[in-house]
Amino acid sequence: MIDIPALLVKKLRLRTGVGFMECKRALIEENGDIELSIDNLRKSGKIQASKKLKNTTNHGVIFASTQNNIGVMIELNCQTDFVAKDNLFISFGKEIILTALSEKIKNIFDIQNYFKIKITELIVKFGENIKINRFEIINGNNIFSYVHAGRIGVLVSANNLNQDVLKNISMHIAASKPDYIHPKDVSKEIFEREYNIQLELVKNYKKPTNILKKIVDGRMNKFLNNISLVGQNFIIDPNKKVGQVLDEHNGNIISFVRFEIGENTIK
């Protein structure tokens, strides 16, 4: 096998934007001829695919599932709603989930690398960028996955909750977008930022200091409950807080993850 200098591979990469190993393989096949290697990459669609990788992916589908105490969720992005609804695209998303579960893949870099060739093939077929944009995994004896219309996905890990309750909690998280489980989980930085805003808002109120403090405290309590799962009104029964529902079942939420298409789009 011909020895290809790293400098030559780098030169081909700069001219084509194709990955290191693909460039090296093309150069080996063409005995180090860079122009023939470019033709080779063009014929195989690799250059076309590499150019598409720069395109923004604002559409896509959320996929999630659980198996043997493992939960996996991905955001698979594309450029158009047309591709997002394609059966081939949807089948690919399901394949990624099944593979991640069966192979116990634990991070996004490994799953992206595992499907690198398949993604390139789909980019060439669809003529637009395809990207595994986010990947999350949870472990536990009491977990649940929920996907709403392919656009919002939730993974939840809990203690002592049956599947019906977990489903309702997952639906609540999908709809209400909590940032934290408990108010106590809110960082000092977030708390102080909101507190300072509220102090500014009541500065011009012509009320005694103790009354102003009560107003600010009340607003802060509402703020913390609005962004914390246990403090939110339960969408299934708005007369109850999520925390009350958990107490009724002697359960608690350990962790949750929520994805929504487009909220974390990366070029």
C-alpha atoms as a PDB file:
ATOM      1  CA  MET A   1       0.000   0.000   0.000  1.00  0.00           C
ATOM      2  CA  ILE A   2       1.306   3.423  -0.973  1.00  0.00           C
ATOM      3  CA  ASP A   3       2.438   5.667   1.908  1.00  0.00           C
ATOM      4  CA  ILE A   4       0.462   8.921   1.848  1.00  0.00           C
ATOM      5  CA  PRO A   5       2.129  11.911   3.606  1.00  0.00           C
ATOM      6  CA  ALA A   6      -0.040  13.698   6.164  1.00  0.00           C
ATOM      7  CA  LEU A   7       0.699  16.994   4.392  1.00  0.00           C
ATOM      8  CA  LEU A   8      -0.908  15.667   1.203  1.00  0.00           C
ATOM      9  CA  VAL A   9      -3.971  14.524   3.102  1.00  0.00           C
ATOM     10  CA  LYS A  10      -4.213  17.963   4.724  1.00  0.00           C
ATOM     11  CA  LYS A  11      -3.986  19.621   1.321  1.00  0.00           C
ATOM     12  CA  LEU A  12      -6.847  17.488  -0.017  1.00  0.00           C
ATOM     13  CA  ARG A  13      -8.905  18.234   3.083  1.00  0.00           C
ATOM     14  CA  LEU A  14      -8.421  21.984   2.613  1.00  0.00           C
ATOM     15  CA  ARG A  15      -9.550  21.744  -1.005  1.00  0.00           C
ATOM     16  CA  THR A  16     -12.573  19.503  -0.400  1.00  0.00           C
ATOM     17  CA  GLY A  17     -13.680  19.852   3.226  1.00  0.00           C
ATOM     18  CA  VAL A  18     -13.905  16.055   3.463  1.00  0.00           C
ATOM     19  CA  GLY A  19     -12.744  14.168   6.580  1.00  0.00           C
ATOM     20  CA  PHE A  20      -9.167  12.977   7.112  1.00  0.00           C
ATOM     21  CA  MET A  21      -9.774   9.243   6.632  1.00  0.00           C
ATOM     22  CA  GLU A  22     -11.896   9.740   3.513  1.00  0.00           C
ATOM     23  CA  CYS A  23      -9.186  11.936   1.992  1.00  0.00           C
ATOM     24  CA  LYS A  24      -6.471   9.426   2.837  1.00  0.00           C
ATOM     25  CA  ARG A  25      -8.517   6.568   1.376  1.00  0.00           C
ATOM     26  CA  ALA A  26      -9.096   8.521  -1.847  1.00  0.00           C
ATOM     27  CA  LEU A  27      -5.384   9.328  -2.154  1.00  0.00           C
ATOM     28  CA  ILE A  28      -4.434   5.674  -1.624  1.00  0.00           C
ATOM     29  CA  GLU A  29      -6.895   4.568  -4.301  1.00  0.00           C
ATOM     30  CA  GLU A  30      -5.470   7.119  -6.751  1.00  0.00           C
ATOM     31  CA  ASN A  31      -1.796   6.523  -5.838  1.00  0.00           C
ATOM     32  CA  GLY A  32      -1.359   9.967  -4.325  1.00  0.00           C
ATOM     33  CA  ASP A  33      -2.759  11.923  -7.282  1.00  0.00           C
ATOM     34  CA  ILE A  34      -4.660  14.769  -5.658  1.00  0.00           C
ATOM     35  CA  GLU A  35      -6.677  15.757  -8.753  1.00  0.00           C
ATOM     36  CA  LEU A  36      -7.844  12.176  -9.363  1.00  0.00           C
ATOM     37  CA  SER A  37      -8.641  11.944  -5.660  1.00  0.00           C
ATOM     38  CA  ILE A  38     -10.879  15.005  -5.932  1.00  0.00           C
ATOM     39  CA  ASP A  39     -12.675  13.399  -8.874  1.00  0.00           C
ATOM     40  CA  ASN A  40     -13.026  10.226  -6.827  1.00  0.00           C
ATOM     41  CA  LEU A  41     -14.585  12.108  -3.922  1.00  0.00           C
ATOM     42  CA  ARG A  42     -16.917  14.004  -6.224  1.00  0.00           C
ATOM     43  CA  LYS A  43     -18.140  10.800  -7.860  1.00  0.00           C
ATOM     44  CA  SER A  44     -18.824   9.199  -4.487  1.00  0.00           C
ATOM     45  CA  GLY A  45     -20.760  12.266  -3.321  1.00  0.00           C
ATOM     46  CA  LYS A  46     -18.406  12.927  -0.408  1.00  0.00           C
ATOM     47  CA  ILE A  47     -17.631  16.518  -1.444  1.00  0.00           C
ATOM     48  CA  GLN A  48     -21.306  17.256  -1.939  1.00  0.00           C
ATOM     49  CA  ALA A  49     -22.020  15.851   1.506  1.00  0.00           C
ATOM     50  CA  SER A  50     -19.238  17.816   3.192  1.00  0.00           C
ATOM     51  CA  LYS A  51     -20.606  21.071   1.792  1.00  0.00           C
ATOM     52  CA  LYS A  52     -24.056  20.262   3.142  1.00  0.00           C
ATOM     53  CA  LEU A  53     -22.590  19.858   6.633  1.00  0.00           C
ATOM     54  CA  LYS A  54     -22.342  23.656   6.849  1.00  0.00           C
ATOM     55  CA  ASN A  55     -26.081  24.124   6.329  1.00  0.00           C
ATOM     56  CA  THR A  56     -28.315  24.963   9.287  1.00  0.00           C
ATOM     57  CA  THR A  57     -30.698  22.207  10.413  1.00  0.00           C
ATOM     58  CA  ASN A  58     -33.866  23.719  11.899  1.00  0.00           C
ATOM     59  CA  HIS A  59     -36.193  20.754  11.356  1.00  0.00           C
ATOM     60  CA  GLY A  60     -36.156  17.162  12.476  1.00  0.00           C
ATOM     61  CA  VAL A  61     -37.629  14.592  14.831  1.00  0.00           C
ATOM     62  CA  ILE A  62     -37.113  13.625  18.480  1.00  0.00           C
ATOM     63  CA  PHE A  63     -36.738   9.887  19.119  1.00  0.00           C
ATOM     64  CA  ALA A  64     -36.713   8.245  22.558  1.00  0.00           C
ATOM     65  CA  SER A  65     -37.074   4.789  24.072  1.00  0.00           C
ATOM     66  CA  THR A  66     -36.179   2.690  27.116  1.00  0.00           C
ATOM     67  CA  GLN A  67     -34.858  -0.851  27.466  1.00  0.00           C
ATOM     68  CA  ASN A  68     -33.386  -2.812  30.378  1.00  0.00           C
ATOM     69  CA  ASN A  69     -33.234   0.176  32.743  1.00  0.00           C
ATOM     70  CA  ILE A  70     -31.645   2.403  30.103  1.00  0.00           C
ATOM     71  CA  GLY A  71     -33.337   5.363  28.422  1.00  0.00           C
ATOM     72  CA  VAL A  72     -32.037   7.062  25.278  1.00  0.00           C
ATOM     73  CA  MET A  73     -33.210  10.189  23.459  1.00  0.00           C
ATOM     74  CA  ILE A  74     -31.870  11.915  20.362  1.00  0.00           C
ATOM     75  CA  GLU A  75     -32.643  14.991  18.311  1.00  0.00           C
ATOM     76  CA  LEU A  76     -32.125  14.085  14.648  1.00  0.00           C
ATOM     77  CA  ASN A  77     -32.074  17.248  12.552  1.00  0.00           C
ATOM     78  CA  CYS A  78     -32.478  18.064   8.881  1.00  0.00           C
ATOM     79  CA  GLN A  79     -33.087  21.219   6.862  1.00  0.00           C
ATOM     80  CA  THR A  80     -36.713  20.800   5.771  1.00  0.00           C
ATOM     81  CA  ASP A  81     -39.986  19.483   7.143  1.00  0.00           C
ATOM     82  CA  PHE A  82     -40.304  17.420   3.961  1.00  0.00           C
ATOM     83  CA  VAL A  83     -37.273  15.303   4.871  1.00  0.00           C
ATOM     84  CA  ALA A  84     -38.307  15.135   8.536  1.00  0.00           C
ATOM     85  CA  LYS A  85     -41.492  13.330   7.445  1.00  0.00           C
ATOM     86  CA  ASP A  86     -39.727  10.935   5.093  1.00  0.00           C
ATOM     87  CA  ASN A  87     -39.964   7.258   6.087  1.00  0.00           C
ATOM     88  CA  LEU A  88     -36.253   6.732   5.442  1.00  0.00           C
ATOM     89  CA  PHE A  89     -35.356   9.574   7.809  1.00  0.00           C
ATOM     90  CA  ILE A  90     -37.746   8.275  10.481  1.00  0.00           C
ATOM     91  CA  SER A  91     -36.434   4.723  10.113  1.00  0.00           C
ATOM     92  CA  PHE A  92     -32.902   6.031  10.551  1.00  0.00           C
ATOM     93  CA  GLY A  93     -33.859   7.766  13.795  1.00  0.00           C
ATOM     94  CA  LYS A  94     -35.375   4.551  15.134  1.00  0.00           C
ATOM     95  CA  GLU A  95     -32.253   2.638  14.109  1.00  0.00           C
ATOM     96  CA  ILE A  96     -30.060   5.074  16.047  1.00  0.00           C
ATOM     97  CA  ILE A  97     -32.154   4.586  19.194  1.00  0.00           C
ATOM     98  CA  LEU A  98     -32.151   0.786  18.931  1.00  0.00           C
ATOM     99  CA  THR A  99     -28.400   0.744  18.312  1.00  0.00           C
ATOM    100  CA  ALA A 100     -27.667   3.079  21.228  1.00  0.00           C
ATOM    101  CA  LEU A 101     -29.705   0.837  23.526  1.00  0.00           C
ATOM    102  CA  SER A 102     -28.342  -2.497  22.316  1.00  0.00           C
ATOM    103  CA  GLU A 103     -24.709  -1.341  22.112  1.00  0.00           C
ATOM    104  CA  LYS A 104     -25.022   0.727  25.311  1.00  0.00           C
ATOM    105  CA  ILE A 105     -23.549   3.786  23.615  1.00  0.00           C
ATOM    106  CA  LYS A 106     -23.077   6.525  26.190  1.00  0.00           C
ATOM    107  CA  ASN A 107     -22.197   9.767  24.392  1.00  0.00           C
ATOM    108  CA  ILE A 108     -23.015  11.744  21.281  1.00  0.00           C
ATOM    109  CA  PHE A 109     -19.524  11.492  19.795  1.00  0.00           C
ATOM    110  CA  ASP A 110     -19.651   7.694  19.732  1.00  0.00           C
ATOM    111  CA  ILE A 111     -23.127   7.592  18.205  1.00  0.00           C
ATOM    112  CA  GLN A 112     -22.171  10.196  15.576  1.00  0.00           C
ATOM    113  CA  ASN A 113     -19.067   8.222  14.688  1.00  0.00           C
ATOM    114  CA  TYR A 114     -21.003   4.938  14.565  1.00  0.00           C
ATOM    115  CA  PHE A 115     -23.405   6.337  11.960  1.00  0.00           C
ATOM    116  CA  LYS A 116     -20.985   8.617  10.115  1.00  0.00           C
ATOM    117  CA  ILE A 117     -21.126   6.704   6.828  1.00  0.00           C
ATOM    118  CA  LYS A 118     -24.911   6.282   6.967  1.00  0.00           C
ATOM    119  CA  ILE A 119     -25.362  10.014   7.612  1.00  0.00           C
ATOM    120  CA  THR A 120     -23.165  10.840   4.619  1.00  0.00           C
ATOM    121  CA  GLU A 121     -25.256   8.522   2.432  1.00  0.00           C
ATOM    122  CA  LEU A 122     -28.468  10.210   3.588  1.00  0.00           C
ATOM    123  CA  ILE A 123     -27.033  13.685   2.994  1.00  0.00           C
ATOM    124  CA  VAL A 124     -26.245  12.666  -0.582  1.00  0.00           C
ATOM    125  CA  LYS A 125     -29.692  11.095  -1.059  1.00  0.00           C
ATOM    126  CA  PHE A 126     -31.734  13.964   0.396  1.00  0.00           C
ATOM    127  CA  GLY A 127     -29.461  16.782  -0.786  1.00  0.00           C
ATOM    128  CA  GLU A 128     -29.477  18.464   2.618  1.00  0.00           C
ATOM    129  CA  ASN A 129     -27.667  18.306   5.936  1.00  0.00           C
ATOM    130  CA  ILE A 130     -28.562  15.536   8.404  1.00  0.00           C
ATOM    131  CA  LYS A 131     -27.253  15.761  11.961  1.00  0.00           C
ATOM    132  CA  ILE A 132     -27.539  13.935  15.268  1.00  0.00           C
ATOM    133  CA  ASN A 133     -27.725  17.189  17.155  1.00  0.00           C
ATOM    134  CA  ARG A 134     -28.319  15.975  20.717  1.00  0.00           C
ATOM    135  CA  PHE A 135     -28.071  12.675  22.545  1.00  0.00           C
ATOM    136  CA  GLU A 136     -29.026  11.859  26.124  1.00  0.00           C
ATOM    137  CA  ILE A 137     -28.981   8.670  28.178  1.00  0.00           C
ATOM    138  CA  ILE A 138     -30.403   7.901  31.624  1.00  0.00           C
ATOM    139  CA  ASN A 139     -30.167   4.819  33.802  1.00  0.00           C
ATOM    140  CA  GLY A 140     -32.502   3.595  36.520  1.00  0.00           C
ATOM    141  CA  ASN A 141     -35.052   1.066  37.684  1.00  0.00           C
ATOM    142  CA  ASN A 142     -37.945   3.512  37.298  1.00  0.00           C
ATOM    143  CA  ILE A 143     -37.595   5.372  33.992  1.00  0.00           C
ATOM    144  CA  PHE A 144     -39.914   6.544  31.218  1.00  0.00           C
ATOM    145  CA  SER A 145     -39.641   8.084  27.749  1.00  0.00           C
ATOM    146  CA  TYR A 146     -42.262  10.253  26.084  1.00  0.00           C
ATOM    147  CA  VAL A 147     -42.365  11.929  22.663  1.00  0.00           C
ATOM    148  CA  HIS A 148     -45.048  14.388  21.607  1.00  0.00           C
ATOM    149  CA  ALA A 149     -45.666  14.628  17.845  1.00  0.00           C
ATOM    150  CA  GLY A 150     -41.982  14.019  17.155  1.00  0.00           C
ATOM    151  CA  ARG A 151     -41.174  17.575  18.237  1.00  0.00           C
ATOM    152  CA  ILE A 152     -40.817  17.328  22.022  1.00  0.00           C
ATOM    153  CA  GLY A 153     -39.194  14.478  23.918  1.00  0.00           C
ATOM    154  CA  VAL A 154     -38.779  13.716  27.617  1.00  0.00           C
ATOM    155  CA  LEU A 155     -36.744  11.196  29.609  1.00  0.00           C
ATOM    156  CA  VAL A 156     -37.569  10.801  33.303  1.00  0.00           C
ATOM    157  CA  SER A 157     -35.899   8.845  36.078  1.00  0.00           C
ATOM    158  CA  ALA A 158     -37.897   8.411  39.292  1.00  0.00           C
ATOM    159  CA  ASN A 159     -38.432   6.434  42.473  1.00  0.00           C
ATOM    160  CA  ASN A 160     -41.584   4.482  43.318  1.00  0.00           C
ATOM    161  CA  LEU A 161     -43.832   5.724  40.480  1.00  0.00           C
ATOM    162  CA  ASN A 162     -45.894   3.471  38.220  1.00  0.00           C
ATOM    163  CA  GLN A 163     -45.831   3.866  34.448  1.00  0.00           C
ATOM    164  CA  ASP A 164     -49.155   5.733  34.305  1.00  0.00           C
ATOM    165  CA  VAL A 165     -47.955   8.385  36.747  1.00  0.00           C
ATOM    166  CA  LEU A 166     -44.597   8.596  34.978  1.00  0.00           C
ATOM    167  CA  LYS A 167     -46.369   9.128  31.666  1.00  0.00           C
ATOM    168  CA  ASN A 168     -48.457  11.952  33.114  1.00  0.00           C
ATOM    169  CA  ILE A 169     -45.393  13.559  34.690  1.00  0.00           C
ATOM    170  CA  SER A 170     -43.544  13.263  31.359  1.00  0.00           C
ATOM    171  CA  MET A 171     -46.468  14.887  29.528  1.00  0.00           C
ATOM    172  CA  HIS A 172     -46.422  17.678  32.092  1.00  0.00           C
ATOM    173  CA  ILE A 173     -42.693  18.266  31.568  1.00  0.00           C
ATOM    174  CA  ALA A 174     -43.217  18.343  27.798  1.00  0.00           C
ATOM    175  CA  ALA A 175     -45.958  20.972  28.114  1.00  0.00           C
ATOM    176  CA  SER A 176     -44.703  23.090  31.035  1.00  0.00           C
ATOM    177  CA  LYS A 177     -40.939  23.220  30.375  1.00  0.00           C
ATOM    178  CA  PRO A 178     -39.575  23.166  33.948  1.00  0.00           C
ATOM    179  CA  ASP A 179     -35.880  23.982  34.263  1.00  0.00           C
ATOM    180  CA  TYR A 180     -35.365  22.340  37.663  1.00  0.00           C
ATOM    181  CA  ILE A 181     -36.910  19.648  39.853  1.00  0.00           C
ATOM    182  CA  HIS A 182     -37.029  21.641  43.114  1.00  0.00           C
ATOM    183  CA  PRO A 183     -36.864  25.390  43.853  1.00  0.00           C
ATOM    184  CA  LYS A 184     -33.773  24.631  45.945  1.00  0.00           C
ATOM    185  CA  ASP A 185     -32.037  23.471  42.752  1.00  0.00           C
ATOM    186  CA  VAL A 186     -32.120  26.994  41.279  1.00  0.00           C
ATOM    187  CA  SER A 187     -28.624  28.425  41.260  1.00  0.00           C
ATOM    188  CA  LYS A 188     -27.673  31.423  43.387  1.00  0.00           C
ATOM    189  CA  GLU A 189     -26.811  33.338  40.212  1.00  0.00           C
ATOM    190  CA  ILE A 190     -30.272  32.806  38.681  1.00  0.00           C
ATOM    191  CA  PHE A 191     -31.992  33.642  41.969  1.00  0.00           C
ATOM    192  CA  GLU A 192     -30.045  36.861  42.547  1.00  0.00           C
ATOM    193  CA  ARG A 193     -30.523  38.027  38.980  1.00  0.00           C
ATOM    194  CA  GLU A 194     -34.307  37.711  39.253  1.00  0.00           C
ATOM    195  CA  TYR A 195     -34.314  39.143  42.789  1.00  0.00           C
ATOM    196  CA  ASN A 196     -32.459  42.271  41.642  1.00  0.00           C
ATOM    197  CA  ILE A 197     -34.926  42.704  38.770  1.00  0.00           C
ATOM    198  CA  GLN A 198     -37.861  42.517  41.185  1.00  0.00           C
ATOM    199  CA  LEU A 199     -36.216  45.017  43.533  1.00  0.00           C
ATOM    200  CA  GLU A 200     -35.902  47.470  40.656  1.00  0.00           C
ATOM    201  CA  LEU A 201     -39.533  46.937  39.658  1.00  0.00           C
ATOM    202  CA  VAL A 202     -40.881  47.906  43.104  1.00  0.00           C
ATOM    203  CA  LYS A 203     -38.575  50.877  43.679  1.00  0.00           C
ATOM    204  CA  ASN A 204     -41.197  53.410  42.654  1.00  0.00           C
ATOM    205  CA  TYR A 205     -44.009  51.844  44.671  1.00  0.00           C
ATOM    206  CA  LYS A 206     -45.113  54.228  47.424  1.00  0.00           C
ATOM    207  CA  LYS A 207     -45.321  51.572  50.110  1.00  0.00           C
ATOM    208  CA  PRO A 208     -43.466  50.823  53.367  1.00  0.00           C
ATOM    209  CA  THR A 209     -40.258  48.814  53.113  1.00  0.00           C
ATOM    210  CA  ASN A 210     -41.756  45.785  54.854  1.00  0.00           C
ATOM    211  CA  ILE A 211     -44.629  45.698  52.348  1.00  0.00           C
ATOM    212  CA  LEU A 212     -42.219  45.987  49.425  1.00  0.00           C
ATOM    213  CA  LYS A 213     -40.233  43.080  50.849  1.00  0.00           C
ATOM    214  CA  LYS A 214     -43.389  40.969  51.016  1.00  0.00           C
ATOM    215  CA  ILE A 215     -44.192  41.834  47.396  1.00  0.00           C
ATOM    216  CA  VAL A 216     -40.713  40.866  46.226  1.00  0.00           C
ATOM    217  CA  ASP A 217     -40.725  37.665  48.303  1.00  0.00           C
ATOM    218  CA  GLY A 218     -44.101  36.714  46.871  1.00  0.00           C
ATOM    219  CA  ARG A 219     -42.908  37.276  43.317  1.00  0.00           C
ATOM    220  CA  MET A 220     -39.735  35.292  43.961  1.00  0.00           C
ATOM    221  CA  ASN A 221     -41.753  32.406  45.356  1.00  0.00           C
ATOM    222  CA  LYS A 222     -43.914  32.438  42.216  1.00  0.00           C
ATOM    223  CA  PHE A 223     -40.813  32.658  40.009  1.00  0.00           C
ATOM    224  CA  LEU A 224     -39.165  29.653  41.696  1.00  0.00           C
ATOM    225  CA  ASN A 225     -42.349  27.563  41.472  1.00  0.00           C
ATOM    226  CA  ASN A 226     -42.847  28.427  37.800  1.00  0.00           C
ATOM    227  CA  ILE A 227     -39.427  27.098  36.799  1.00  0.00           C
ATOM    228  CA  SER A 228     -39.389  24.094  39.162  1.00  0.00           C
ATOM    229  CA  LEU A 229     -41.242  20.863  38.390  1.00  0.00           C
ATOM    230  CA  VAL A 230     -42.612  20.207  41.886  1.00  0.00           C
ATOM    231  CA  GLY A 231     -43.902  23.779  42.216  1.00  0.00           C
ATOM    232  CA  GLN A 232     -45.840  23.861  38.938  1.00  0.00           C
ATOM    233  CA  ASN A 233     -49.584  23.286  38.655  1.00  0.00           C
ATOM    234  CA  PHE A 234     -50.093  19.761  37.336  1.00  0.00           C
ATOM    235  CA  ILE A 235     -51.502  19.886  33.786  1.00  0.00           C
ATOM    236  CA  ILE A 236     -53.638  16.775  34.386  1.00  0.00           C
ATOM    237  CA  ASP A 237     -55.170  18.314  37.524  1.00  0.00           C
ATOM    238  CA  PRO A 238     -54.376  22.066  37.796  1.00  0.00           C
ATOM    239  CA  ASN A 239     -55.754  22.153  41.336  1.00  0.00           C
ATOM    240  CA  LYS A 240     -52.680  20.233  42.466  1.00  0.00           C
ATOM    241  CA  LYS A 241     -48.979  20.949  42.344  1.00  0.00           C
ATOM    242  CA  VAL A 242     -46.743  18.293  40.797  1.00  0.00           C
ATOM    243  CA  GLY A 243     -45.104  17.967  44.196  1.00  0.00           C
ATOM    244  CA  GLN A 244     -48.471  17.008  45.722  1.00  0.00           C
ATOM    245  CA  VAL A 245     -48.978  14.317  43.092  1.00  0.00           C
ATOM    246  CA  LEU A 246     -45.563  12.870  43.860  1.00  0.00           C
ATOM    247  CA  ASP A 247     -46.297  12.886  47.592  1.00  0.00           C
ATOM    248  CA  GLU A 248     -49.604  11.089  47.021  1.00  0.00           C
ATOM    249  CA  HIS A 249     -47.700   8.242  45.373  1.00  0.00           C
ATOM    250  CA  ASN A 250     -44.783   8.342  47.826  1.00  0.00           C
ATOM    251  CA  GLY A 251     -42.485   8.937  44.876  1.00  0.00           C
ATOM    252  CA  ASN A 252     -39.967  11.460  43.658  1.00  0.00           C
ATOM    253  CA  ILE A 253     -38.213  12.535  40.473  1.00  0.00           C
ATOM    254  CA  ILE A 254     -34.475  11.852  40.333  1.00  0.00           C
ATOM    255  CA  SER A 255     -33.793  13.570  37.010  1.00  0.00           C
ATOM    256  CA  PHE A 256     -35.373  14.550  33.718  1.00  0.00           C
ATOM    257  CA  VAL A 257     -34.299  15.715  30.274  1.00  0.00           C
ATOM    258  CA  ARG A 258     -36.465  17.637  27.804  1.00  0.00           C
ATOM    259  CA  PHE A 259     -35.687  18.160  24.105  1.00  0.00           C
ATOM    260  CA  GLU A 260     -37.608  20.341  21.673  1.00  0.00           C
ATOM    261  CA  ILE A 261     -36.834  20.599  17.980  1.00  0.00           C
ATOM    262  CA  GLY A 262     -34.916  23.761  17.100  1.00  0.00           C
ATOM    263  CA  GLU A 263     -34.232  24.995  20.642  1.00  0.00           C
ATOM    264  CA  ASN A 264     -30.562  24.046  20.436  1.00  0.00           C
ATOM    265  CA  THR A 265     -29.811  24.221  16.722  1.00  0.00           C
ATOM    266  CA  ILE A 266     -26.114  24.127  15.886  1.00  0.00           C
ATOM    267  CA  LYS A 267     -24.673  24.809  12.463  1.00  0.00           C
END
